[in-house]
Amino acid sequence: MATFNDFGLHHSIVKALSNMGFEEATAIQDQTVPVALQGRDLIGQAQTGTGKTAAFAIPLIERLDETSGNIQGVVLTPTRELAVQVAEEINKIAQFKNISALPIYGGQDITRQIKALKKRPQIIVATPGRFMDHMRRRTIRLDAIEVVVLDEADEMLNMGFIDDIKEILKEVPESRQTLLFSATMPRAIQEIAQQFMNEPTIIQVKAKEVTVPNIAQEYMEVAEKQKFDVLCRLLDIHSPELAIIFGRTKRRVDELSEALTKRGYGAEGIHGDLNQAKRDSVLRKFKEGTIEVLVATDVAARGLDISGVTHVFNFDIPQDSESYVHRIGRTGRAGK
């Protein structure tokens, strides 16, 4: 898989992605980002949990002009929860660039939204109905819009937003780029693509991986501050023979392995920055059982062939469902 350095992105975006713990592109990002960066229209058929938000957020942030205070990008989503979530992710990826996204949805005071619009965000993430309200009031100007993203288009269809979407697409400049994401492709969505898109590239990513039935999965909701203490308690209670703990970033892996060692656990960390010799020595110790806990990032754990792992701890949740499946599949091997 590609890393984010391979796309020729602005260093500030790569830095933000690395801070967020994204080391490698997911399948949808790998196929979508290069096409979207060229300004071409595309249809991405992908389920939630494949990393599709970043797949359209990265090209959006890369392509927009940070010196302009005009609205240049619009993302339409079916629900306010998704609008908030997508805006947050865009703002994280844009944290080192002068670009911001504002969520706009029904049920929130419109005068407050109008005030927030005066701060001149370049990207609006909105539910279609509320976006139409602002369009009619002229509180959102459409003349500088370069990219429109329809996220979870089939869901928007199910919720009766199809006419609003058509209205919006008619009003936005024709020279724009349109990116459409949908898990399924019902006829009404295909018609939108034919009517409003320009020879779109079609990218399909199947969510094919599922977890194995003989792995017992449990989760606990804990505040960030308590995570480490809870982890230590769990290690004490379960006393695993061999455990892998996954952290989101290289820094997190270093902090965790040091903290565990200080508390007397036999732990070592591996991540992408270690040289091969160090990596081999850590893995050898783990296989021989001289250390009982391996702390790793997703990338570092790819292709590890270690038998006898009894427990996997997700200290941080991975960025997409496939990574989760890869992670937990380290146990339950050979019928165990």
Protein backbone atom coordinates (compact mmCIF):
# COMPACT_ATOMS: atom_id res chain seq x y z
CA MET A 1 0.00 0.00 0.00
CA ALA A 2 1.08 3.57 -0.59
CA THR A 3 2.20 5.81 2.22
CA PHE A 4 1.04 9.42 2.25
CA ASN A 5 4.46 10.57 1.02
CA ASP A 6 3.78 8.86 -2.31
CA PHE A 7 0.99 11.22 -3.35
CA GLY A 8 3.16 14.34 -3.58
CA LEU A 9 1.08 16.14 -0.94
CA HIS A 10 1.98 19.38 0.82
CA HIS A 11 4.27 18.52 3.75
CA SER A 12 1.83 20.11 6.22
CA ILE A 13 -0.83 17.55 5.26
CA VAL A 14 1.58 14.62 5.57
CA LYS A 15 2.64 15.95 8.98
CA ALA A 16 -0.99 16.20 10.15
CA LEU A 17 -1.79 12.66 8.92
CA SER A 18 1.27 11.33 10.70
CA ASN A 19 0.19 13.09 13.92
CA MET A 20 -3.21 11.47 13.56
CA GLY A 21 -1.53 8.09 13.32
CA PHE A 22 -2.25 7.45 9.64
CA GLU A 23 0.92 5.88 8.26
CA GLU A 24 -0.40 4.07 5.23
CA ALA A 25 -3.25 4.79 2.88
CA THR A 26 -6.29 2.48 3.06
CA ALA A 27 -7.48 0.84 -0.17
CA ILE A 28 -10.02 3.57 -0.95
CA GLN A 29 -7.51 6.37 -0.20
CA ASP A 30 -4.87 4.65 -2.34
CA GLN A 31 -7.17 4.64 -5.36
CA THR A 32 -9.13 7.85 -4.79
CA VAL A 33 -6.52 10.43 -3.78
CA PRO A 34 -4.44 10.41 -7.01
CA VAL A 35 -7.57 10.70 -9.21
CA ALA A 36 -9.11 13.45 -7.08
CA LEU A 37 -5.83 15.40 -7.00
CA GLN A 38 -6.00 15.62 -10.80
CA GLY A 39 -9.36 17.36 -10.51
CA ARG A 40 -11.31 14.49 -12.08
CA ASP A 41 -14.84 13.49 -11.05
CA LEU A 42 -15.15 10.19 -9.28
CA ILE A 43 -17.60 7.73 -7.80
CA GLY A 44 -16.31 5.76 -4.84
CA GLN A 45 -18.33 2.73 -3.84
CA ALA A 46 -17.30 2.09 -0.27
CA GLN A 47 -18.74 1.24 3.10
CA THR A 48 -18.27 3.34 6.21
CA GLY A 49 -15.11 2.29 8.04
CA THR A 50 -12.91 2.14 4.94
CA GLY A 51 -11.26 5.50 5.57
CA LYS A 52 -13.29 7.33 2.92
CA THR A 53 -13.54 10.65 4.80
CA ALA A 54 -9.78 11.15 4.48
CA ALA A 55 -10.01 9.91 0.87
CA PHE A 56 -11.91 13.07 -0.10
CA ALA A 57 -10.61 15.38 2.66
CA ILE A 58 -6.96 15.06 1.59
CA PRO A 59 -7.46 16.20 -2.05
CA LEU A 60 -9.89 18.88 -0.87
CA ILE A 61 -7.34 20.41 1.50
CA GLU A 62 -4.50 19.98 -1.00
CA ARG A 63 -6.34 21.69 -3.86
CA LEU A 64 -8.06 24.63 -2.17
CA ASP A 65 -6.54 28.08 -1.98
CA GLU A 66 -5.71 28.97 1.62
CA THR A 67 -5.22 32.65 0.79
CA SER A 68 -8.84 32.98 -0.29
CA GLY A 69 -11.64 33.44 2.22
CA ASN A 70 -14.27 32.16 -0.21
CA ILE A 71 -16.21 28.94 0.18
CA GLN A 72 -14.47 26.59 -2.24
CA GLY A 73 -15.57 23.15 -1.09
CA VAL A 74 -18.92 21.69 -0.05
CA VAL A 75 -19.46 18.26 1.50
CA LEU A 76 -23.09 17.11 1.73
CA THR A 77 -23.88 14.43 4.32
CA PRO A 78 -27.11 12.71 5.37
CA THR A 79 -27.00 13.47 9.11
CA ARG A 80 -25.81 16.19 11.46
CA GLU A 81 -23.66 13.64 13.35
CA LEU A 82 -21.82 12.82 10.16
CA ALA A 83 -21.50 16.52 9.27
CA VAL A 84 -19.83 17.21 12.61
CA GLN A 85 -17.58 14.16 12.35
CA VAL A 86 -16.46 14.95 8.78
CA ALA A 87 -15.78 18.62 9.61
CA GLU A 88 -13.67 17.53 12.60
CA GLU A 89 -11.62 15.15 10.47
CA ILE A 90 -11.08 17.78 7.76
CA ASN A 91 -9.93 20.28 10.40
CA LYS A 92 -7.48 17.75 11.85
CA ILE A 93 -5.96 17.04 8.44
CA ALA A 94 -5.84 20.80 7.73
CA GLN A 95 -4.42 21.71 11.16
CA PHE A 96 -1.12 23.02 9.73
CA LYS A 97 -2.73 24.74 6.75
CA ASN A 98 -4.79 27.90 6.79
CA ILE A 99 -7.95 26.02 5.83
CA SER A 100 -11.02 25.32 7.95
CA ALA A 101 -14.29 23.43 7.63
CA LEU A 102 -17.58 24.49 9.22
CA PRO A 103 -20.43 22.05 9.90
CA ILE A 104 -23.91 23.42 9.07
CA TYR A 105 -27.04 21.45 9.92
CA GLY A 106 -30.69 21.79 10.84
CA GLY A 107 -31.72 22.12 14.46
CA GLN A 108 -28.87 24.52 15.17
CA ASP A 109 -29.59 28.22 15.50
CA ILE A 110 -29.29 29.76 12.02
CA THR A 111 -28.10 33.16 13.25
CA ARG A 112 -25.23 31.42 15.01
CA GLN A 113 -24.38 29.69 11.76
CA ILE A 114 -24.46 32.99 9.88
CA LYS A 115 -22.03 34.43 12.44
CA ALA A 116 -19.73 31.43 12.03
CA LEU A 117 -19.87 31.88 8.25
CA LYS A 118 -18.48 35.40 8.66
CA LYS A 119 -15.20 33.81 9.81
CA ARG A 120 -14.86 32.70 6.19
CA PRO A 121 -14.29 28.94 6.23
CA GLN A 122 -13.20 27.51 2.87
CA ILE A 123 -15.15 24.26 3.34
CA ILE A 124 -18.78 23.77 4.38
CA VAL A 125 -19.93 20.35 5.57
CA ALA A 126 -23.71 20.37 5.57
CA THR A 127 -26.94 18.46 5.53
CA PRO A 128 -28.76 19.27 2.27
CA GLY A 129 -31.87 20.91 3.78
CA ARG A 130 -29.95 23.45 5.86
CA PHE A 131 -27.52 24.12 3.01
CA MET A 132 -30.55 25.01 0.83
CA ASP A 133 -31.77 27.46 3.52
CA HIS A 134 -28.46 29.30 3.44
CA MET A 135 -28.42 29.21 -0.35
CA ARG A 136 -31.82 30.89 -0.47
CA ARG A 137 -30.83 33.47 2.13
CA ARG A 138 -27.62 34.14 0.18
CA THR A 139 -25.63 33.58 3.39
CA ILE A 140 -23.59 31.00 1.49
CA ARG A 141 -22.18 32.20 -1.83
CA LEU A 142 -21.69 29.51 -4.43
CA ASP A 143 -19.69 31.30 -7.12
CA ALA A 144 -16.23 30.20 -5.92
CA ILE A 145 -17.08 26.52 -5.25
CA GLU A 146 -14.62 24.19 -6.93
CA VAL A 147 -15.37 20.84 -5.33
CA VAL A 148 -18.62 19.19 -4.24
CA VAL A 149 -18.56 15.92 -2.30
CA LEU A 150 -21.70 13.82 -1.86
CA ASP A 151 -20.96 11.56 1.11
CA GLU A 152 -23.15 8.49 1.73
CA ALA A 153 -25.28 9.43 -1.25
CA ASP A 154 -27.55 6.38 -0.86
CA GLU A 155 -28.34 7.40 2.72
CA MET A 156 -29.23 10.92 1.54
CA LEU A 157 -31.53 9.33 -1.02
CA ASN A 158 -33.22 7.18 1.67
CA MET A 159 -33.78 10.30 3.76
CA GLY A 160 -35.54 12.11 0.94
CA PHE A 161 -32.81 14.63 0.12
CA ILE A 162 -32.56 13.81 -3.56
CA ASP A 163 -34.41 16.92 -4.83
CA ASP A 164 -32.38 19.21 -2.57
CA ILE A 165 -29.17 17.67 -3.91
CA LYS A 166 -30.27 18.25 -7.50
CA GLU A 167 -31.17 21.86 -6.69
CA ILE A 168 -27.77 22.44 -5.08
CA LEU A 169 -25.85 20.84 -7.97
CA LYS A 170 -27.75 23.02 -10.47
CA GLU A 171 -26.70 26.17 -8.61
CA VAL A 172 -23.03 25.35 -8.09
CA PRO A 173 -20.64 26.39 -10.90
CA GLU A 174 -20.49 23.81 -13.69
CA SER A 175 -16.71 23.90 -13.80
CA ARG A 176 -16.57 22.20 -10.39
CA GLN A 177 -15.21 18.76 -9.52
CA THR A 178 -17.78 16.32 -8.11
CA LEU A 179 -16.90 13.37 -5.85
CA LEU A 180 -19.67 10.93 -4.97
CA PHE A 181 -19.41 8.22 -2.30
CA SER A 182 -22.06 5.59 -1.78
CA ALA A 183 -22.13 2.05 -0.36
CA THR A 184 -24.79 1.01 -2.89
CA MET A 185 -25.65 2.32 -6.36
CA PRO A 186 -29.44 2.60 -6.68
CA ARG A 187 -30.83 3.97 -9.92
CA ALA A 188 -31.51 7.48 -8.54
CA ILE A 189 -27.82 7.81 -7.60
CA GLN A 190 -26.73 6.62 -11.06
CA GLU A 191 -29.02 9.26 -12.59
CA ILE A 192 -27.42 12.00 -10.47
CA ALA A 193 -24.03 10.80 -11.67
CA GLN A 194 -25.15 10.90 -15.33
CA GLN A 195 -26.81 14.28 -15.04
CA PHE A 196 -24.31 16.16 -12.89
CA MET A 197 -20.94 14.47 -13.26
CA ASN A 198 -18.31 14.65 -15.95
CA GLU A 199 -17.04 11.20 -17.05
CA PRO A 200 -16.45 10.02 -13.48
CA THR A 201 -13.80 7.42 -12.65
CA ILE A 202 -15.47 4.56 -10.78
CA ILE A 203 -13.64 3.09 -7.81
CA GLN A 204 -15.03 0.11 -5.93
CA VAL A 205 -13.69 -1.04 -2.62
CA LYS A 206 -15.26 -4.09 -1.08
CA ALA A 207 -15.38 -4.34 2.69
CA LYS A 208 -14.44 -7.98 2.44
CA GLU A 209 -12.77 -8.74 5.71
CA VAL A 210 -14.69 -10.10 8.65
CA THR A 211 -13.52 -11.28 12.03
CA VAL A 212 -13.17 -14.93 12.97
CA PRO A 213 -15.81 -16.45 15.24
CA ASN A 214 -13.32 -18.08 17.63
CA ILE A 215 -11.91 -14.78 18.88
CA ALA A 216 -13.64 -13.42 21.97
CA GLN A 217 -13.95 -9.63 21.64
CA GLU A 218 -14.63 -7.22 24.48
CA TYR A 219 -14.50 -3.46 24.70
CA MET A 220 -14.39 -1.00 27.57
CA GLU A 221 -15.21 2.68 27.48
CA VAL A 222 -12.69 4.61 29.53
CA ALA A 223 -11.49 8.19 29.64
CA GLU A 224 -8.13 8.79 27.92
CA LYS A 225 -6.48 9.52 31.29
CA GLN A 226 -7.50 6.13 32.70
CA LYS A 227 -6.56 4.01 29.71
CA PHE A 228 -3.09 3.12 30.93
CA ASP A 229 -4.17 2.07 34.42
CA VAL A 230 -6.99 -0.02 32.99
CA LEU A 231 -4.55 -1.68 30.58
CA CYS A 232 -2.26 -2.60 33.48
CA ARG A 233 -5.19 -4.01 35.45
CA LEU A 234 -6.23 -6.11 32.44
CA LEU A 235 -2.69 -7.43 32.01
CA ASP A 236 -2.69 -8.40 35.70
CA ILE A 237 -6.09 -10.10 35.55
CA HIS A 238 -5.56 -11.99 32.27
CA SER A 239 -1.80 -12.50 32.66
CA PRO A 240 -1.39 -13.24 28.94
CA GLU A 241 1.40 -15.53 27.76
CA LEU A 242 2.05 -13.31 24.77
CA ALA A 243 0.15 -10.06 24.09
CA ILE A 244 0.29 -7.44 21.37
CA ILE A 245 -0.83 -3.92 22.24
CA PHE A 246 -1.63 -1.62 19.33
CA GLY A 247 -1.01 2.13 19.54
CA ARG A 248 -1.92 4.70 16.93
CA THR A 249 1.37 6.54 16.53
CA LYS A 250 5.09 5.83 16.84
CA ARG A 251 5.28 8.23 19.77
CA ARG A 252 2.40 6.45 21.49
CA VAL A 253 4.18 3.10 21.07
CA ASP A 254 7.38 4.49 22.63
CA GLU A 255 5.49 6.04 25.56
CA LEU A 256 3.51 2.86 26.22
CA SER A 257 6.44 0.47 26.09
CA GLU A 258 8.49 2.71 28.41
CA ALA A 259 5.63 3.12 30.88
CA LEU A 260 4.96 -0.64 30.92
CA THR A 261 8.64 -1.40 31.49
CA LYS A 262 8.69 1.06 34.41
CA ARG A 263 5.79 -0.82 35.96
CA GLY A 264 7.68 -4.07 35.70
CA TYR A 265 6.13 -5.68 32.63
CA GLY A 266 8.40 -7.28 30.05
CA ALA A 267 7.50 -4.99 27.17
CA GLU A 268 9.16 -3.66 24.01
CA GLY A 269 7.85 -1.56 21.14
CA ILE A 270 8.20 -1.78 17.36
CA HIS A 271 7.32 0.84 14.76
CA GLY A 272 8.43 2.12 11.37
CA ASP A 273 11.38 4.16 12.68
CA LEU A 274 13.31 1.21 14.10
CA ASN A 275 16.15 -0.23 12.07
CA GLN A 276 15.92 -3.83 10.95
CA ALA A 277 18.41 -5.15 13.51
CA LYS A 278 16.53 -3.61 16.45
CA ARG A 279 13.25 -4.84 15.03
CA ASP A 280 14.57 -8.39 14.63
CA SER A 281 15.93 -8.45 18.15
CA VAL A 282 12.60 -7.28 19.64
CA LEU A 283 10.69 -9.91 17.66
CA ARG A 284 13.16 -12.63 18.64
CA LYS A 285 12.71 -11.80 22.32
CA PHE A 286 8.95 -11.85 21.90
CA LYS A 287 8.94 -15.22 20.08
CA GLU A 288 11.23 -16.73 22.72
CA GLY A 289 9.03 -15.34 25.47
CA THR A 290 11.71 -13.17 27.15
CA ILE A 291 9.28 -10.29 26.73
CA GLU A 292 5.57 -10.93 27.15
CA VAL A 293 4.16 -7.75 25.64
CA LEU A 294 4.82 -6.33 22.19
CA VAL A 295 3.63 -2.75 21.61
CA ALA A 296 3.22 -1.95 17.90
CA THR A 297 1.78 0.35 15.25
CA ASP A 298 -0.38 -1.17 12.50
CA VAL A 299 2.33 -0.82 9.89
CA ALA A 300 5.03 -2.41 12.04
CA ALA A 301 2.81 -5.40 12.77
CA ARG A 302 2.00 -6.12 9.10
CA GLY A 303 3.21 -9.51 8.05
CA LEU A 304 4.42 -10.55 11.49
CA ASP A 305 4.24 -14.28 11.77
CA ILE A 306 3.99 -14.95 15.47
CA SER A 307 2.23 -18.00 16.81
CA GLY A 308 0.91 -18.28 20.32
CA VAL A 309 -0.37 -14.72 20.78
CA THR A 310 -3.12 -15.09 23.39
CA HIS A 311 -4.32 -11.46 23.69
CA VAL A 312 -4.55 -8.38 21.49
CA PHE A 313 -5.24 -4.99 23.10
CA ASN A 314 -6.37 -2.07 20.97
CA PHE A 315 -5.06 0.77 23.12
CA ASP A 316 -6.12 3.13 20.33
CA ILE A 317 -8.92 2.38 17.87
CA PRO A 318 -7.58 1.90 14.33
CA GLN A 319 -8.59 4.24 11.49
CA ASP A 320 -10.63 1.69 9.54
CA SER A 321 -12.37 -1.64 10.03
CA GLU A 322 -9.85 -3.61 7.97
CA SER A 323 -7.00 -2.64 10.26
CA TYR A 324 -9.10 -3.80 13.20
CA VAL A 325 -9.59 -7.19 11.58
CA HIS A 326 -5.86 -7.47 10.85
CA ARG A 327 -4.99 -6.55 14.41
CA ILE A 328 -7.25 -8.95 16.23
CA GLY A 329 -6.51 -11.75 13.75
CA ARG A 330 -3.14 -12.07 15.47
CA THR A 331 -4.88 -14.37 17.93
CA GLY A 332 -7.26 -17.24 17.21
CA ARG A 333 -4.84 -18.79 14.75
CA ALA A 334 -4.56 -22.51 14.06
CA GLY A 335 -7.89 -23.17 15.75
CA LYS A 336 -6.75 -21.66 19.06
